[in-house]
Amino acid sequence: MAIKNIIFDFGGVVMDWNPRYFFKDHFKDDEKMEHFLKNIATDEWNAEQDRGRTLAEGTEIQVAKHPEWEKEIRAYYDNWTTMLKSEIPHNVAVLRKLEHSKYHLFGLTNWSAETFPYALENYDFFKIFQNKIVVSGTEKLIKPDPTIWEVLLERYKIKAEESVFIDDNAKNIELAKSLGFICIHIKNDTDLEKELRDLGVAF
């Protein structure tokens, strides 16, 4: 079946986000920083904000659990924009090449509804999606819950088997494959344009 749609995850695909970009200078101690990110401000905790919990609520919950880390926990979302370092140029270049192609472009991202507007305002390539973006924090659903892919499919009346899904998270790729999507798993050395061309995508 011919490919009609190309769906981008954002973090790790077109945006370089990492809390270490802020906390490296904050701690000036890599061991302490890694302890904090592994045990206090964990990926699982941040994911709940991506699922729709407010930043304020998430912060207070964690401060109550770890009062000795209050300063660092409060610094997390206060300095979130520093963690959003830049776009990922080679993948954004591919997105720009696709802008005037025959394919329909979509975004499917795990991102807090409170912080995503900053990215929209500060990185012009998001306009390429023409607002066809499903944001986990807005939907109160998060990958790899299959329901969030179903939201995308139903909202835009598209079919999984006609769609390429691009993500850097192996669990998300695995789930998308099970739903019938054609998938590209982004790794550090992935040549996204080559991967798409190998699938028959024409630029």
Protein backbone atom coordinates (compact mmCIF):
# COMPACT_ATOMS: atom_id res chain seq x y z
CA MET A 1 0.00 0.00 0.00
CA ALA A 2 1.33 3.45 -0.91
CA ILE A 3 2.64 5.77 1.79
CA LYS A 4 0.47 8.85 2.20
CA ASN A 5 1.36 10.15 5.67
CA ILE A 6 4.54 10.81 7.64
CA ILE A 7 4.25 11.21 11.41
CA PHE A 8 7.02 12.75 13.51
CA ASP A 9 7.70 12.40 17.18
CA PHE A 10 9.44 15.61 18.34
CA GLY A 11 11.80 15.11 21.30
CA GLY A 12 14.90 13.23 20.13
CA VAL A 13 13.75 13.47 16.51
CA VAL A 14 13.51 17.18 15.67
CA MET A 15 14.18 18.73 19.10
CA ASP A 16 17.23 18.23 21.31
CA TRP A 17 15.85 18.28 24.86
CA ASN A 18 17.76 17.03 27.88
CA PRO A 19 17.58 18.17 31.53
CA ARG A 20 21.36 17.79 31.71
CA TYR A 21 21.74 20.95 29.62
CA PHE A 22 20.62 22.89 32.69
CA PHE A 23 21.66 20.67 35.60
CA LYS A 24 25.26 20.18 34.43
CA ASP A 25 26.00 23.81 35.29
CA HIS A 26 23.65 23.81 38.26
CA PHE A 27 25.33 20.88 40.04
CA LYS A 28 28.86 21.10 38.60
CA ASP A 29 29.03 17.48 39.79
CA ASP A 30 28.04 14.80 37.28
CA GLU A 31 27.59 12.08 39.87
CA LYS A 32 25.20 14.19 41.94
CA MET A 33 23.33 15.27 38.79
CA GLU A 34 22.85 11.68 37.62
CA HIS A 35 21.64 10.65 41.08
CA PHE A 36 19.09 13.47 41.02
CA LEU A 37 17.83 12.62 37.53
CA LYS A 38 17.71 8.88 38.19
CA ASN A 39 16.08 9.01 41.63
CA ILE A 40 14.36 12.36 42.17
CA ALA A 41 13.41 14.18 38.94
CA THR A 42 12.95 10.93 37.07
CA ASP A 43 11.76 10.31 33.53
CA GLU A 44 8.66 8.66 35.00
CA TRP A 45 7.88 11.78 37.05
CA ASN A 46 8.34 14.09 34.07
CA ALA A 47 6.15 11.76 31.97
CA GLU A 48 3.19 12.46 34.27
CA GLN A 49 3.42 16.14 33.33
CA ASP A 50 3.54 15.03 29.69
CA ARG A 51 0.40 12.99 30.42
CA GLY A 52 -1.43 16.13 31.54
CA ARG A 53 -0.61 16.69 35.21
CA THR A 54 0.18 20.38 35.76
CA LEU A 55 3.79 21.42 36.27
CA ALA A 56 2.82 23.01 39.60
CA GLU A 57 1.16 19.82 40.88
CA GLY A 58 4.02 17.63 39.70
CA THR A 59 6.53 19.92 41.40
CA GLU A 60 4.66 19.99 44.74
CA ILE A 61 4.25 16.19 44.75
CA GLN A 62 7.98 15.69 44.29
CA VAL A 63 8.96 18.38 46.81
CA ALA A 64 6.73 16.67 49.40
CA LYS A 65 8.49 13.35 48.70
CA HIS A 66 12.01 14.78 48.63
CA PRO A 67 12.08 18.03 50.65
CA GLU A 68 15.90 17.97 50.80
CA TRP A 69 15.92 18.42 47.02
CA GLU A 70 13.32 21.21 46.95
CA LYS A 71 15.59 23.81 45.34
CA GLU A 72 16.59 21.45 42.51
CA ILE A 73 13.04 20.16 41.94
CA ARG A 74 11.67 23.70 41.65
CA ALA A 75 14.51 24.58 39.29
CA TYR A 76 13.46 21.82 36.89
CA TYR A 77 10.51 23.52 35.21
CA ASP A 78 11.71 27.04 36.03
CA ASN A 79 14.65 26.31 33.72
CA TRP A 80 12.92 24.04 31.24
CA THR A 81 13.71 26.29 28.27
CA THR A 82 17.45 25.82 28.92
CA MET A 83 16.89 22.06 28.64
CA LEU A 84 15.41 22.60 25.15
CA LYS A 85 18.79 23.21 23.58
CA SER A 86 18.05 23.39 19.86
CA GLU A 87 16.48 21.75 16.87
CA ILE A 88 18.17 18.63 15.47
CA PRO A 89 19.36 20.13 12.18
CA HIS A 90 19.73 17.08 9.93
CA ASN A 91 16.26 15.77 10.77
CA VAL A 92 14.63 19.19 10.53
CA ALA A 93 16.25 19.54 7.09
CA VAL A 94 14.43 16.35 6.04
CA LEU A 95 11.15 17.73 7.41
CA ARG A 96 11.65 20.94 5.41
CA LYS A 97 12.25 18.90 2.25
CA LEU A 98 8.94 17.15 2.85
CA GLU A 99 7.00 20.39 3.36
CA HIS A 100 5.93 20.73 -0.28
CA SER A 101 5.82 17.01 -1.05
CA LYS A 102 2.69 14.95 -1.71
CA TYR A 103 2.72 13.54 1.82
CA HIS A 104 0.56 14.65 4.73
CA LEU A 105 2.72 15.53 7.74
CA PHE A 106 1.68 15.05 11.36
CA GLY A 107 3.17 15.32 14.83
CA LEU A 108 2.58 12.86 17.69
CA THR A 109 4.46 13.94 20.78
CA ASN A 110 4.76 13.23 24.49
CA TRP A 111 4.95 16.84 25.70
CA SER A 112 3.42 18.90 28.48
CA ALA A 113 0.57 21.12 27.30
CA GLU A 114 2.15 23.93 29.35
CA THR A 115 5.61 23.82 27.79
CA PHE A 116 4.79 22.88 24.21
CA PRO A 117 3.59 26.41 23.25
CA TYR A 118 7.13 27.69 23.89
CA ALA A 119 8.52 25.32 21.26
CA LEU A 120 5.77 26.29 18.82
CA GLU A 121 6.59 29.96 19.23
CA ASN A 122 10.37 29.63 19.04
CA TYR A 123 10.95 27.05 16.29
CA ASP A 124 9.39 27.97 12.97
CA PHE A 125 9.51 24.48 11.47
CA PHE A 126 6.50 23.47 13.59
CA LYS A 127 4.37 25.56 11.21
CA ILE A 128 5.03 22.89 8.55
CA PHE A 129 2.59 20.62 10.40
CA GLN A 130 -0.24 23.16 9.99
CA ASN A 131 -1.48 22.40 13.51
CA LYS A 132 -1.89 18.68 12.72
CA ILE A 133 -0.19 17.75 15.97
CA VAL A 134 -1.41 15.45 18.75
CA VAL A 135 0.12 16.48 22.10
CA SER A 136 -0.01 14.02 24.99
CA GLY A 137 -0.52 16.69 27.66
CA THR A 138 -3.57 18.04 25.85
CA GLU A 139 -5.08 14.59 25.24
CA LYS A 140 -4.26 13.26 28.75
CA LEU A 141 -2.77 10.24 26.99
CA ILE A 142 0.85 9.30 26.50
CA LYS A 143 2.84 7.01 24.23
CA PRO A 144 3.08 4.00 24.32
CA ASP A 145 -0.64 3.92 25.19
CA PRO A 146 -2.18 2.78 21.87
CA THR A 147 -5.14 5.10 22.42
CA ILE A 148 -3.07 8.17 21.51
CA TRP A 149 -2.31 6.70 18.07
CA GLU A 150 -6.02 6.01 17.69
CA VAL A 151 -6.74 9.68 18.42
CA LEU A 152 -4.38 10.63 15.57
CA LEU A 153 -5.90 8.13 13.14
CA GLU A 154 -9.49 9.07 13.89
CA ARG A 155 -8.99 12.85 14.08
CA TYR A 156 -7.27 13.08 10.72
CA LYS A 157 -9.02 10.14 9.03
CA ILE A 158 -5.77 8.37 8.11
CA LYS A 159 -4.74 4.70 8.06
CA ALA A 160 -1.79 3.20 9.94
CA GLU A 161 -0.71 1.04 7.00
CA GLU A 162 -0.41 4.17 4.80
CA SER A 163 1.66 6.00 7.40
CA VAL A 164 5.33 6.17 8.39
CA PHE A 165 5.86 6.75 12.11
CA ILE A 166 9.21 8.20 13.24
CA ASP A 167 10.29 8.04 16.91
CA ASP A 168 13.45 7.66 18.99
CA ASN A 169 11.82 5.50 21.67
CA ALA A 170 11.98 1.73 21.06
CA LYS A 171 8.78 1.03 23.07
CA ASN A 172 6.85 3.53 20.97
CA ILE A 173 8.19 2.00 17.77
CA GLU A 174 7.22 -1.49 18.93
CA LEU A 175 3.68 -0.37 19.77
CA ALA A 176 3.24 1.55 16.51
CA LYS A 177 4.35 -1.52 14.53
CA SER A 178 1.74 -3.60 16.34
CA LEU A 179 -0.90 -1.10 15.15
CA GLY A 180 0.23 -1.46 11.55
CA PHE A 181 2.40 1.62 11.09
CA ILE A 182 5.56 1.56 8.97
CA CYS A 183 8.25 2.65 11.43
CA ILE A 184 11.63 4.35 11.53
CA HIS A 185 13.48 4.11 14.84
CA ILE A 186 15.72 7.17 15.21
CA LYS A 187 19.14 6.50 16.72
CA ASN A 188 22.26 8.67 16.90
CA ASP A 189 23.52 7.47 13.52
CA THR A 190 20.19 7.28 11.66
CA ASP A 191 20.13 8.89 8.23
CA LEU A 192 16.45 9.81 8.16
CA GLU A 193 16.34 10.85 4.51
CA LYS A 194 17.94 7.56 3.44
CA GLU A 195 15.55 5.56 5.62
CA LEU A 196 12.57 7.32 4.06
CA ARG A 197 13.90 6.91 0.53
CA ASP A 198 14.45 3.20 1.22
CA LEU A 199 10.72 2.99 2.05
CA GLY A 200 9.91 4.58 -1.29
CA VAL A 201 9.26 8.11 -0.07
CA ALA A 202 9.90 10.61 -2.89
CA PHE A 203 11.34 14.01 -2.05
